[in-house]
Amino acid sequence: MVGLYDREGVLRFVGNTLEACLDYAALFEIPLSPSSLQALPEPVAVRVRGSQPRGGRSS
């Protein structure tokens, strides 16, 4: 995953590929600088102790 940041450091877009971020930047005319694109870690599912699985019945 790749993040596209604007000049103020605001995350504008997260894409699966570098090309997706470049297409987004071109579409919205966001100027690219060397620090505009950054690889992001893959999300990881975290289980919280004591929580019920999703889809369970609640009363």
C-alpha atoms as a PDB file:
ATOM      1  CA  MET A   1       0.000   0.000   0.000  1.00  0.00           C
ATOM      2  CA  VAL A   2       1.162   3.503  -0.832  1.00  0.00           C
ATOM      3  CA  GLY A   3       0.076   6.789   0.736  1.00  0.00           C
ATOM      4  CA  LEU A   4      -0.082  10.101  -1.118  1.00  0.00           C
ATOM      5  CA  TYR A   5       0.541  13.165   1.061  1.00  0.00           C
ATOM      6  CA  ASP A   6       0.019  16.797   0.062  1.00  0.00           C
ATOM      7  CA  ARG A   7       2.428  19.681   0.751  1.00  0.00           C
ATOM      8  CA  GLU A   8       0.989  20.189   4.251  1.00  0.00           C
ATOM      9  CA  GLY A   9       1.564  16.533   5.145  1.00  0.00           C
ATOM     10  CA  VAL A  10      -2.111  15.554   4.980  1.00  0.00           C
ATOM     11  CA  LEU A  11      -2.760  12.012   3.773  1.00  0.00           C
ATOM     12  CA  ARG A  12      -4.908  12.453   0.653  1.00  0.00           C
ATOM     13  CA  PHE A  13      -5.106   8.950  -0.800  1.00  0.00           C
ATOM     14  CA  VAL A  14      -4.122   5.358  -0.045  1.00  0.00           C
ATOM     15  CA  GLY A  15      -3.704   3.070  -3.036  1.00  0.00           C
ATOM     16  CA  ASN A  16      -2.688  -0.515  -3.599  1.00  0.00           C
ATOM     17  CA  THR A  17      -0.021   0.555  -6.098  1.00  0.00           C
ATOM     18  CA  LEU A  18       2.246   3.476  -6.844  1.00  0.00           C
ATOM     19  CA  GLU A  19       0.457   3.901 -10.173  1.00  0.00           C
ATOM     20  CA  ALA A  20      -2.900   4.345  -8.403  1.00  0.00           C
ATOM     21  CA  CYS A  21      -1.442   7.190  -6.334  1.00  0.00           C
ATOM     22  CA  LEU A  22       0.094   8.824  -9.396  1.00  0.00           C
ATOM     23  CA  ASP A  23      -3.247   8.609 -11.234  1.00  0.00           C
ATOM     24  CA  TYR A  24      -5.029  10.212  -8.262  1.00  0.00           C
ATOM     25  CA  ALA A  25      -2.455  13.006  -8.092  1.00  0.00           C
ATOM     26  CA  ALA A  26      -2.831  13.672 -11.817  1.00  0.00           C
ATOM     27  CA  LEU A  27      -6.631  13.649 -11.606  1.00  0.00           C
ATOM     28  CA  PHE A  28      -6.741  16.226  -8.796  1.00  0.00           C
ATOM     29  CA  GLU A  29      -3.623  18.118  -9.976  1.00  0.00           C
ATOM     30  CA  ILE A  30      -1.700  17.476  -6.752  1.00  0.00           C
ATOM     31  CA  PRO A  31       1.972  18.382  -7.332  1.00  0.00           C
ATOM     32  CA  LEU A  32       4.399  15.610  -6.404  1.00  0.00           C
ATOM     33  CA  SER A  33       7.560  16.143  -4.411  1.00  0.00           C
ATOM     34  CA  PRO A  34      10.104  13.529  -3.347  1.00  0.00           C
ATOM     35  CA  SER A  35       8.340  13.051   0.003  1.00  0.00           C
ATOM     36  CA  SER A  36       4.769  12.918  -1.340  1.00  0.00           C
ATOM     37  CA  LEU A  37       4.614   9.130  -1.752  1.00  0.00           C
ATOM     38  CA  GLN A  38       5.306   6.752   1.110  1.00  0.00           C
ATOM     39  CA  ALA A  39       4.975   2.997   1.508  1.00  0.00           C
ATOM     40  CA  LEU A  40       2.473   2.108   4.235  1.00  0.00           C
ATOM     41  CA  PRO A  41       2.398  -1.041   6.372  1.00  0.00           C
ATOM     42  CA  GLU A  42      -0.259  -3.611   5.616  1.00  0.00           C
ATOM     43  CA  PRO A  43      -3.180  -3.522   8.077  1.00  0.00           C
ATOM     44  CA  VAL A  44      -3.283  -6.311  10.647  1.00  0.00           C
ATOM     45  CA  ALA A  45      -6.377  -7.620  12.404  1.00  0.00           C
ATOM     46  CA  VAL A  46      -6.111  -7.330  16.183  1.00  0.00           C
ATOM     47  CA  ARG A  47      -8.325  -9.360  18.492  1.00  0.00           C
ATOM     48  CA  VAL A  48      -9.371  -7.645  21.707  1.00  0.00           C
ATOM     49  CA  ARG A  49      -9.532  -9.962  24.688  1.00  0.00           C
ATOM     50  CA  GLY A  50     -13.082 -10.444  25.966  1.00  0.00           C
ATOM     51  CA  SER A  51     -14.782  -9.161  22.829  1.00  0.00           C
ATOM     52  CA  GLN A  52     -17.412 -11.169  20.996  1.00  0.00           C
ATOM     53  CA  PRO A  53     -16.860 -12.207  17.399  1.00  0.00           C
ATOM     54  CA  ARG A  54     -18.681 -10.104  14.827  1.00  0.00           C
ATOM     55  CA  GLY A  55     -21.963 -11.451  13.648  1.00  0.00           C
ATOM     56  CA  GLY A  56     -22.812 -12.710  17.100  1.00  0.00           C
ATOM     57  CA  ARG A  57     -26.183 -12.117  18.687  1.00  0.00           C
ATOM     58  CA  SER A  58     -26.566  -9.342  21.188  1.00  0.00           C
ATOM     59  CA  SER A  59     -29.420  -8.739  23.587  1.00  0.00           C
END
